[in-house]
Amino acid sequence: LFAIFAVALPVPAVLAGCGGGDSGSSEDPQTVLNETFSNDQS
């Protein structure tokens, strides 16, 4: 149970993304994925 809570507590930081993107349809898909899963906005 403690391990489950340990996974859950950092989730807000893992579900992250950064600001940016003025035209969604033209953004590179790999860049969008990278900035969605690997950034510091919680």
All heavy atoms as atom14 arrays in JSON, in Angstrom:
{
  "sequence": "LFAIFAVALPVPAVLAGCGGGDSGSSEDPQTVLNETFSNDQS",
  "atom14_mask": [
    [1, 1, 1, 1, 1, 1, 1, 1, 0, 0, 0, 0, 0, 0],
    [1, 1, 1, 1, 1, 1, 1, 1, 1, 1, 1, 0, 0, 0],
    [1, 1, 1, 1, 1, 0, 0, 0, 0, 0, 0, 0, 0, 0],
    [1, 1, 1, 1, 1, 1, 1, 1, 0, 0, 0, 0, 0, 0],
    [1, 1, 1, 1, 1, 1, 1, 1, 1, 1, 1, 0, 0, 0],
    [1, 1, 1, 1, 1, 0, 0, 0, 0, 0, 0, 0, 0, 0],
    [1, 1, 1, 1, 1, 1, 1, 0, 0, 0, 0, 0, 0, 0],
    [1, 1, 1, 1, 1, 0, 0, 0, 0, 0, 0, 0, 0, 0],
    [1, 1, 1, 1, 1, 1, 1, 1, 0, 0, 0, 0, 0, 0],
    [1, 1, 1, 1, 1, 1, 1, 0, 0, 0, 0, 0, 0, 0],
    [1, 1, 1, 1, 1, 1, 1, 0, 0, 0, 0, 0, 0, 0],
    [1, 1, 1, 1, 1, 1, 1, 0, 0, 0, 0, 0, 0, 0],
    [1, 1, 1, 1, 1, 0, 0, 0, 0, 0, 0, 0, 0, 0],
    [1, 1, 1, 1, 1, 1, 1, 0, 0, 0, 0, 0, 0, 0],
    [1, 1, 1, 1, 1, 1, 1, 1, 0, 0, 0, 0, 0, 0],
    [1, 1, 1, 1, 1, 0, 0, 0, 0, 0, 0, 0, 0, 0],
    [1, 1, 1, 1, 0, 0, 0, 0, 0, 0, 0, 0, 0, 0],
    [1, 1, 1, 1, 1, 1, 0, 0, 0, 0, 0, 0, 0, 0],
    [1, 1, 1, 1, 0, 0, 0, 0, 0, 0, 0, 0, 0, 0],
    [1, 1, 1, 1, 0, 0, 0, 0, 0, 0, 0, 0, 0, 0],
    [1, 1, 1, 1, 0, 0, 0, 0, 0, 0, 0, 0, 0, 0],
    [1, 1, 1, 1, 1, 1, 1, 1, 0, 0, 0, 0, 0, 0],
    [1, 1, 1, 1, 1, 1, 0, 0, 0, 0, 0, 0, 0, 0],
    [1, 1, 1, 1, 0, 0, 0, 0, 0, 0, 0, 0, 0, 0],
    [1, 1, 1, 1, 1, 1, 0, 0, 0, 0, 0, 0, 0, 0],
    [1, 1, 1, 1, 1, 1, 0, 0, 0, 0, 0, 0, 0, 0],
    [1, 1, 1, 1, 1, 1, 1, 1, 1, 0, 0, 0, 0, 0],
    [1, 1, 1, 1, 1, 1, 1, 1, 0, 0, 0, 0, 0, 0],
    [1, 1, 1, 1, 1, 1, 1, 0, 0, 0, 0, 0, 0, 0],
    [1, 1, 1, 1, 1, 1, 1, 1, 1, 0, 0, 0, 0, 0],
    [1, 1, 1, 1, 1, 1, 1, 0, 0, 0, 0, 0, 0, 0],
    [1, 1, 1, 1, 1, 1, 1, 0, 0, 0, 0, 0, 0, 0],
    [1, 1, 1, 1, 1, 1, 1, 1, 0, 0, 0, 0, 0, 0],
    [1, 1, 1, 1, 1, 1, 1, 1, 0, 0, 0, 0, 0, 0],
    [1, 1, 1, 1, 1, 1, 1, 1, 1, 0, 0, 0, 0, 0],
    [1, 1, 1, 1, 1, 1, 1, 0, 0, 0, 0, 0, 0, 0],
    [1, 1, 1, 1, 1, 1, 1, 1, 1, 1, 1, 0, 0, 0],
    [1, 1, 1, 1, 1, 1, 0, 0, 0, 0, 0, 0, 0, 0],
    [1, 1, 1, 1, 1, 1, 1, 1, 0, 0, 0, 0, 0, 0],
    [1, 1, 1, 1, 1, 1, 1, 1, 0, 0, 0, 0, 0, 0],
    [1, 1, 1, 1, 1, 1, 1, 1, 1, 0, 0, 0, 0, 0],
    [1, 1, 1, 1, 1, 1, 0, 0, 0, 0, 0, 0, 0, 0]
  ],
  "atom14_positions": [
    [[0.82, -1.19, 0.0], [0.0, 0.0, 0.0], [0.86, 1.25, 0.0], [0.56, 2.24, -0.67], [-0.93, 0.0, 1.22], [-1.95, -1.14, 1.29], [-2.76, -1.04, 2.57], [-2.87, -1.11, 0.08], [0.0, 0.0, 0.0], [0.0, 0.0, 0.0], [0.0, 0.0, 0.0], [0.0, 0.0, 0.0], [0.0, 0.0, 0.0], [0.0, 0.0, 0.0]],
    [[1.97, 1.21, 0.76], [2.87, 2.35, 0.79], [3.48, 2.58, -0.58], [3.67, 3.7, -1.02], [3.98, 2.13, 1.82], [3.59, 2.57, 3.2], [2.64, 1.89, 3.93], [4.15, 3.7, 3.77], [2.28, 2.28, 5.19], [3.79, 4.12, 5.04], [2.85, 3.41, 5.75], [0.0, 0.0, 0.0], [0.0, 0.0, 0.0], [0.0, 0.0, 0.0]],
    [[3.8, 1.49, -1.29], [4.37, 1.62, -2.63], [3.36, 2.26, -3.58], [3.72, 3.08, -4.42], [4.79, 0.25, -3.16], [0.0, 0.0, 0.0], [0.0, 0.0, 0.0], [0.0, 0.0, 0.0], [0.0, 0.0, 0.0], [0.0, 0.0, 0.0], [0.0, 0.0, 0.0], [0.0, 0.0, 0.0], [0.0, 0.0, 0.0], [0.0, 0.0, 0.0]],
    [[2.08, 1.89, -3.43], [1.05, 2.48, -4.28], [0.94, 3.98, -4.02], [0.85, 4.78, -4.95], [-0.3, 1.79, -4.03], [-0.24, 0.32, -4.5], [-1.44, 2.53, -4.74], [-1.45, -0.49, -4.12], [0.0, 0.0, 0.0], [0.0, 0.0, 0.0], [0.0, 0.0, 0.0], [0.0, 0.0, 0.0], [0.0, 0.0, 0.0], [0.0, 0.0, 0.0]],
    [[0.95, 4.38, -2.74], [0.9, 5.79, -2.43], [2.14, 6.51, -2.95], [2.08, 7.65, -3.37], [0.77, 6.01, -0.91], [-0.64, 6.08, -0.44], [-1.26, 4.96, 0.11], [-1.37, 7.24, -0.56], [-2.58, 5.02, 0.54], [-2.69, 7.31, -0.12], [-3.28, 6.2, 0.44], [0.0, 0.0, 0.0], [0.0, 0.0, 0.0], [0.0, 0.0, 0.0]],
    [[3.29, 5.83, -2.91], [4.51, 6.44, -3.39], [4.44, 6.72, -4.88], [5.0, 7.68, -5.38], [5.71, 5.53, -3.11], [0.0, 0.0, 0.0], [0.0, 0.0, 0.0], [0.0, 0.0, 0.0], [0.0, 0.0, 0.0], [0.0, 0.0, 0.0], [0.0, 0.0, 0.0], [0.0, 0.0, 0.0], [0.0, 0.0, 0.0], [0.0, 0.0, 0.0]],
    [[3.72, 5.85, -5.6], [3.52, 6.08, -7.04], [2.54, 7.23, -7.23], [2.71, 8.08, -8.1], [2.98, 4.81, -7.73], [2.58, 5.12, -9.16], [4.03, 3.72, -7.7], [0.0, 0.0, 0.0], [0.0, 0.0, 0.0], [0.0, 0.0, 0.0], [0.0, 0.0, 0.0], [0.0, 0.0, 0.0], [0.0, 0.0, 0.0], [0.0, 0.0, 0.0]],
    [[1.49, 7.27, -6.39], [0.43, 8.25, -6.59], [0.86, 9.67, -6.24], [0.48, 10.63, -6.93], [-0.8, 7.88, -5.75], [0.0, 0.0, 0.0], [0.0, 0.0, 0.0], [0.0, 0.0, 0.0], [0.0, 0.0, 0.0], [0.0, 0.0, 0.0], [0.0, 0.0, 0.0], [0.0, 0.0, 0.0], [0.0, 0.0, 0.0], [0.0, 0.0, 0.0]],
    [[1.66, 9.84, -5.18], [2.0, 11.17, -4.73], [2.75, 11.99, -5.76], [2.49, 13.18, -5.91], [2.81, 11.09, -3.42], [1.99, 10.65, -2.2], [2.9, 10.5, -1.0], [0.91, 11.67, -1.9], [0.0, 0.0, 0.0], [0.0, 0.0, 0.0], [0.0, 0.0, 0.0], [0.0, 0.0, 0.0], [0.0, 0.0, 0.0], [0.0, 0.0, 0.0]],
    [[3.73, 11.42, -6.51], [4.43, 12.23, -7.49], [3.69, 12.39, -8.81], [4.18, 13.08, -9.7], [5.74, 11.47, -7.75], [5.71, 10.24, -6.92], [4.34, 10.09, -6.38], [0.0, 0.0, 0.0], [0.0, 0.0, 0.0], [0.0, 0.0, 0.0], [0.0, 0.0, 0.0], [0.0, 0.0, 0.0], [0.0, 0.0, 0.0], [0.0, 0.0, 0.0]],
    [[2.51, 11.77, -8.96], [1.82, 11.78, -10.25], [1.6, 13.18, -10.8], [1.8, 13.42, -11.98], [0.48, 11.01, -10.15], [-0.46, 11.4, -11.27], [0.76, 9.52, -10.2], [0.0, 0.0, 0.0], [0.0, 0.0, 0.0], [0.0, 0.0, 0.0], [0.0, 0.0, 0.0], [0.0, 0.0, 0.0], [0.0, 0.0, 0.0], [0.0, 0.0, 0.0]],
    [[1.16, 14.19, -9.95], [0.95, 15.51, -10.52], [2.18, 16.06, -11.24], [2.05, 16.76, -12.23], [0.59, 16.36, -9.3], [-0.03, 15.4, -8.35], [0.76, 14.12, -8.55], [0.0, 0.0, 0.0], [0.0, 0.0, 0.0], [0.0, 0.0, 0.0], [0.0, 0.0, 0.0], [0.0, 0.0, 0.0], [0.0, 0.0, 0.0], [0.0, 0.0, 0.0]],
    [[3.37, 15.76, -10.74], [4.57, 16.27, -11.38], [4.91, 15.49, -12.64], [5.55, 16.01, -13.55], [5.75, 16.22, -10.41], [0.0, 0.0, 0.0], [0.0, 0.0, 0.0], [0.0, 0.0, 0.0], [0.0, 0.0, 0.0], [0.0, 0.0, 0.0], [0.0, 0.0, 0.0], [0.0, 0.0, 0.0], [0.0, 0.0, 0.0], [0.0, 0.0, 0.0]],
    [[4.49, 14.21, -12.68], [4.8, 13.4, -13.85], [3.85, 13.73, -14.99], [4.21, 13.71, -16.16], [4.69, 11.9, -13.49], [4.93, 11.03, -14.72], [5.73, 11.56, -12.42], [0.0, 0.0, 0.0], [0.0, 0.0, 0.0], [0.0, 0.0, 0.0], [0.0, 0.0, 0.0], [0.0, 0.0, 0.0], [0.0, 0.0, 0.0], [0.0, 0.0, 0.0]],
    [[2.56, 14.03, -14.64], [1.61, 14.45, -15.66], [1.87, 15.91, -15.98], [1.15, 16.8, -15.58], [0.17, 14.28, -15.16], [-0.26, 12.86, -14.83], [-1.68, 12.88, -14.28], [-0.18, 11.98, -16.06], [0.0, 0.0, 0.0], [0.0, 0.0, 0.0], [0.0, 0.0, 0.0], [0.0, 0.0, 0.0], [0.0, 0.0, 0.0], [0.0, 0.0, 0.0]],
    [[2.97, 16.17, -16.7], [3.45, 17.53, -16.83], [3.46, 18.01, -18.25], [3.26, 17.27, -19.19], [4.86, 17.63, -16.23], [0.0, 0.0, 0.0], [0.0, 0.0, 0.0], [0.0, 0.0, 0.0], [0.0, 0.0, 0.0], [0.0, 0.0, 0.0], [0.0, 0.0, 0.0], [0.0, 0.0, 0.0], [0.0, 0.0, 0.0], [0.0, 0.0, 0.0]],
    [[3.74, 19.3, -18.4], [3.88, 19.88, -19.72], [4.38, 21.29, -19.58], [4.44, 21.84, -18.49], [0.0, 0.0, 0.0], [0.0, 0.0, 0.0], [0.0, 0.0, 0.0], [0.0, 0.0, 0.0], [0.0, 0.0, 0.0], [0.0, 0.0, 0.0], [0.0, 0.0, 0.0], [0.0, 0.0, 0.0], [0.0, 0.0, 0.0], [0.0, 0.0, 0.0]],
    [[4.76, 21.9, -20.68], [5.26, 23.25, -20.62], [4.41, 24.13, -21.5], [3.67, 23.66, -22.35], [6.71, 23.31, -21.06], [6.93, 23.01, -22.82], [0.0, 0.0, 0.0], [0.0, 0.0, 0.0], [0.0, 0.0, 0.0], [0.0, 0.0, 0.0], [0.0, 0.0, 0.0], [0.0, 0.0, 0.0], [0.0, 0.0, 0.0], [0.0, 0.0, 0.0]],
    [[4.54, 25.45, -21.32], [3.81, 26.38, -22.14], [4.34, 26.38, -23.56], [5.47, 26.02, -23.83], [0.0, 0.0, 0.0], [0.0, 0.0, 0.0], [0.0, 0.0, 0.0], [0.0, 0.0, 0.0], [0.0, 0.0, 0.0], [0.0, 0.0, 0.0], [0.0, 0.0, 0.0], [0.0, 0.0, 0.0], [0.0, 0.0, 0.0], [0.0, 0.0, 0.0]],
    [[3.49, 26.77, -24.48], [3.95, 26.86, -25.86], [2.89, 26.38, -26.81], [1.86, 25.87, -26.44], [0.0, 0.0, 0.0], [0.0, 0.0, 0.0], [0.0, 0.0, 0.0], [0.0, 0.0, 0.0], [0.0, 0.0, 0.0], [0.0, 0.0, 0.0], [0.0, 0.0, 0.0], [0.0, 0.0, 0.0], [0.0, 0.0, 0.0], [0.0, 0.0, 0.0]],
    [[3.15, 26.51, -28.09], [2.23, 25.99, -29.1], [1.24, 27.02, -29.56], [0.23, 27.26, -28.92], [0.0, 0.0, 0.0], [0.0, 0.0, 0.0], [0.0, 0.0, 0.0], [0.0, 0.0, 0.0], [0.0, 0.0, 0.0], [0.0, 0.0, 0.0], [0.0, 0.0, 0.0], [0.0, 0.0, 0.0], [0.0, 0.0, 0.0], [0.0, 0.0, 0.0]],
    [[1.53, 27.71, -30.69], [0.6, 28.71, -31.17], [-0.3, 28.15, -32.26], [-1.3, 28.75, -32.6], [1.36, 29.94, -31.68], [2.45, 29.58, -32.67], [2.6, 28.38, -32.96], [3.16, 30.48, -33.11], [0.0, 0.0, 0.0], [0.0, 0.0, 0.0], [0.0, 0.0, 0.0], [0.0, 0.0, 0.0], [0.0, 0.0, 0.0], [0.0, 0.0, 0.0]],
    [[0.03, 27.01, -32.81], [-0.8, 26.38, -33.83], [-0.72, 24.88, -33.64], [0.21, 24.23, -34.11], [-0.33, 26.79, -35.23], [-1.12, 26.16, -36.21], [0.0, 0.0, 0.0], [0.0, 0.0, 0.0], [0.0, 0.0, 0.0], [0.0, 0.0, 0.0], [0.0, 0.0, 0.0], [0.0, 0.0, 0.0], [0.0, 0.0, 0.0], [0.0, 0.0, 0.0]],
    [[-1.72, 24.32, -32.94], [-1.65, 22.92, -32.54], [-1.51, 21.96, -33.69], [-0.78, 20.97, -33.59], [0.0, 0.0, 0.0], [0.0, 0.0, 0.0], [0.0, 0.0, 0.0], [0.0, 0.0, 0.0], [0.0, 0.0, 0.0], [0.0, 0.0, 0.0], [0.0, 0.0, 0.0], [0.0, 0.0, 0.0], [0.0, 0.0, 0.0], [0.0, 0.0, 0.0]],
    [[-2.17, 22.22, -34.8], [-2.16, 21.26, -35.9], [-0.82, 21.17, -36.6], [-0.57, 20.21, -37.33], [-3.25, 21.61, -36.91], [-3.03, 22.91, -37.44], [0.0, 0.0, 0.0], [0.0, 0.0, 0.0], [0.0, 0.0, 0.0], [0.0, 0.0, 0.0], [0.0, 0.0, 0.0], [0.0, 0.0, 0.0], [0.0, 0.0, 0.0], [0.0, 0.0, 0.0]],
    [[0.05, 22.16, -36.39], [1.33, 22.16, -37.1], [2.5, 21.72, -36.22], [3.63, 21.61, -36.7], [1.62, 23.56, -37.65], [1.75, 24.49, -36.58], [0.0, 0.0, 0.0], [0.0, 0.0, 0.0], [0.0, 0.0, 0.0], [0.0, 0.0, 0.0], [0.0, 0.0, 0.0], [0.0, 0.0, 0.0], [0.0, 0.0, 0.0], [0.0, 0.0, 0.0]],
    [[2.25, 21.48, -34.93], [3.34, 21.1, -34.03], [3.8, 19.67, -34.3], [3.01, 18.78, -34.62], [2.89, 21.23, -32.57], [2.71, 22.67, -32.13], [2.69, 22.8, -30.62], [3.66, 22.36, -29.98], [1.71, 23.34, -30.09], [0.0, 0.0, 0.0], [0.0, 0.0, 0.0], [0.0, 0.0, 0.0], [0.0, 0.0, 0.0], [0.0, 0.0, 0.0]],
    [[5.11, 19.46, -34.15], [5.68, 18.13, -34.34], [5.13, 17.18, -33.28], [5.21, 17.48, -32.07], [7.2, 18.2, -34.24], [7.84, 16.83, -34.33], [7.8, 16.23, -35.41], [8.34, 16.35, -33.29], [0.0, 0.0, 0.0], [0.0, 0.0, 0.0], [0.0, 0.0, 0.0], [0.0, 0.0, 0.0], [0.0, 0.0, 0.0], [0.0, 0.0, 0.0]],
    [[4.57, 16.03, -33.65], [3.93, 15.13, -32.66], [4.89, 14.6, -31.61], [4.52, 14.48, -30.44], [3.35, 14.01, -33.52], [4.08, 14.09, -34.83], [4.41, 15.53, -35.03], [0.0, 0.0, 0.0], [0.0, 0.0, 0.0], [0.0, 0.0, 0.0], [0.0, 0.0, 0.0], [0.0, 0.0, 0.0], [0.0, 0.0, 0.0], [0.0, 0.0, 0.0]],
    [[6.14, 14.28, -32.0], [7.09, 13.79, -31.01], [7.44, 14.88, -30.0], [7.62, 14.62, -28.82], [8.36, 13.28, -31.7], [8.23, 11.89, -32.32], [8.15, 10.78, -31.26], [8.06, 11.04, -30.07], [8.17, 9.54, -31.71], [0.0, 0.0, 0.0], [0.0, 0.0, 0.0], [0.0, 0.0, 0.0], [0.0, 0.0, 0.0], [0.0, 0.0, 0.0]],
    [[7.52, 16.12, -30.47], [7.8, 17.23, -29.56], [6.66, 17.41, -28.56], [6.89, 17.64, -27.37], [8.02, 18.53, -30.35], [9.13, 18.37, -31.24], [8.29, 19.7, -29.42], [0.0, 0.0, 0.0], [0.0, 0.0, 0.0], [0.0, 0.0, 0.0], [0.0, 0.0, 0.0], [0.0, 0.0, 0.0], [0.0, 0.0, 0.0], [0.0, 0.0, 0.0]],
    [[5.43, 17.29, -29.05], [4.27, 17.42, -28.16], [4.29, 16.32, -27.1], [4.07, 16.58, -25.9], [2.96, 17.36, -28.97], [1.75, 17.34, -28.01], [2.86, 18.54, -29.91], [0.0, 0.0, 0.0], [0.0, 0.0, 0.0], [0.0, 0.0, 0.0], [0.0, 0.0, 0.0], [0.0, 0.0, 0.0], [0.0, 0.0, 0.0], [0.0, 0.0, 0.0]],
    [[4.59, 15.09, -27.51], [4.65, 13.98, -26.55], [5.74, 14.23, -25.51], [5.53, 14.02, -24.31], [4.9, 12.66, -27.28], [3.76, 12.12, -28.15], [4.21, 10.88, -28.89], [2.53, 11.82, -27.3], [0.0, 0.0, 0.0], [0.0, 0.0, 0.0], [0.0, 0.0, 0.0], [0.0, 0.0, 0.0], [0.0, 0.0, 0.0], [0.0, 0.0, 0.0]],
    [[6.9, 14.66, -25.96], [8.02, 14.88, -25.05], [7.69, 15.97, -24.03], [7.94, 15.83, -22.83], [9.26, 15.27, -25.85], [10.46, 15.49, -24.94], [10.93, 14.57, -24.27], [10.94, 16.72, -24.89], [0.0, 0.0, 0.0], [0.0, 0.0, 0.0], [0.0, 0.0, 0.0], [0.0, 0.0, 0.0], [0.0, 0.0, 0.0], [0.0, 0.0, 0.0]],
    [[7.08, 17.07, -24.51], [6.77, 18.18, -23.61], [5.59, 17.86, -22.7], [5.44, 18.45, -21.63], [6.5, 19.44, -24.42], [7.74, 19.96, -25.15], [7.51, 21.26, -25.88], [6.33, 21.67, -26.0], [8.5, 21.87, -26.32], [0.0, 0.0, 0.0], [0.0, 0.0, 0.0], [0.0, 0.0, 0.0], [0.0, 0.0, 0.0], [0.0, 0.0, 0.0]],
    [[4.75, 16.91, -23.1], [3.62, 16.52, -22.27], [4.05, 15.63, -21.12], [3.58, 15.77, -19.99], [2.56, 15.79, -23.12], [2.11, 16.65, -24.16], [1.36, 15.38, -22.27], [0.0, 0.0, 0.0], [0.0, 0.0, 0.0], [0.0, 0.0, 0.0], [0.0, 0.0, 0.0], [0.0, 0.0, 0.0], [0.0, 0.0, 0.0], [0.0, 0.0, 0.0]],
    [[4.97, 14.69, -21.39], [5.35, 13.72, -20.37], [6.65, 14.05, -19.63], [6.99, 13.35, -18.68], [5.49, 12.33, -21.01], [4.19, 11.74, -21.45], [3.9, 11.56, -22.8], [3.23, 11.37, -20.53], [2.69, 11.02, -23.21], [2.02, 10.84, -20.92], [1.75, 10.66, -22.27], [0.0, 0.0, 0.0], [0.0, 0.0, 0.0], [0.0, 0.0, 0.0]],
    [[7.37, 15.08, -20.05], [8.68, 15.33, -19.44], [8.91, 16.83, -19.23], [9.81, 17.42, -19.83], [9.8, 14.75, -20.31], [9.61, 13.38, -20.54], [0.0, 0.0, 0.0], [0.0, 0.0, 0.0], [0.0, 0.0, 0.0], [0.0, 0.0, 0.0], [0.0, 0.0, 0.0], [0.0, 0.0, 0.0], [0.0, 0.0, 0.0], [0.0, 0.0, 0.0]],
    [[8.12, 17.41, -18.35], [8.36, 18.81, -18.06], [8.01, 19.14, -16.62], [7.58, 18.26, -15.87], [7.6, 19.7, -19.05], [8.54, 20.6, -19.85], [9.11, 21.53, -19.3], [8.7, 20.3, -21.12], [0.0, 0.0, 0.0], [0.0, 0.0, 0.0], [0.0, 0.0, 0.0], [0.0, 0.0, 0.0], [0.0, 0.0, 0.0], [0.0, 0.0, 0.0]],
    [[8.16, 20.39, -16.24], [8.14, 20.72, -14.81], [6.89, 21.44, -14.34], [6.83, 21.87, -13.2], [9.37, 21.58, -14.47], [9.44, 22.87, -15.29], [8.55, 23.09, -16.12], [10.4, 23.63, -15.1], [0.0, 0.0, 0.0], [0.0, 0.0, 0.0], [0.0, 0.0, 0.0], [0.0, 0.0, 0.0], [0.0, 0.0, 0.0], [0.0, 0.0, 0.0]],
    [[5.87, 21.57, -15.16], [4.63, 22.19, -14.71], [3.69, 21.11, -14.2], [3.33, 20.19, -14.95], [3.98, 22.97, -15.86], [2.78, 23.79, -15.41], [2.2, 24.62, -16.56], [2.86, 24.8, -17.57], [0.98, 25.09, -16.39], [0.0, 0.0, 0.0], [0.0, 0.0, 0.0], [0.0, 0.0, 0.0], [0.0, 0.0, 0.0], [0.0, 0.0, 0.0]],
    [[3.3, 21.19, -12.96], [2.56, 20.09, -12.34], [1.05, 20.29, -12.4], [0.54, 21.4, -12.6], [2.99, 19.92, -10.88], [2.63, 21.07, -10.13], [0.0, 0.0, 0.0], [0.0, 0.0, 0.0], [0.0, 0.0, 0.0], [0.0, 0.0, 0.0], [0.0, 0.0, 0.0], [0.0, 0.0, 0.0], [0.0, 0.0, 0.0], [0.0, 0.0, 0.0]]
  ]
}
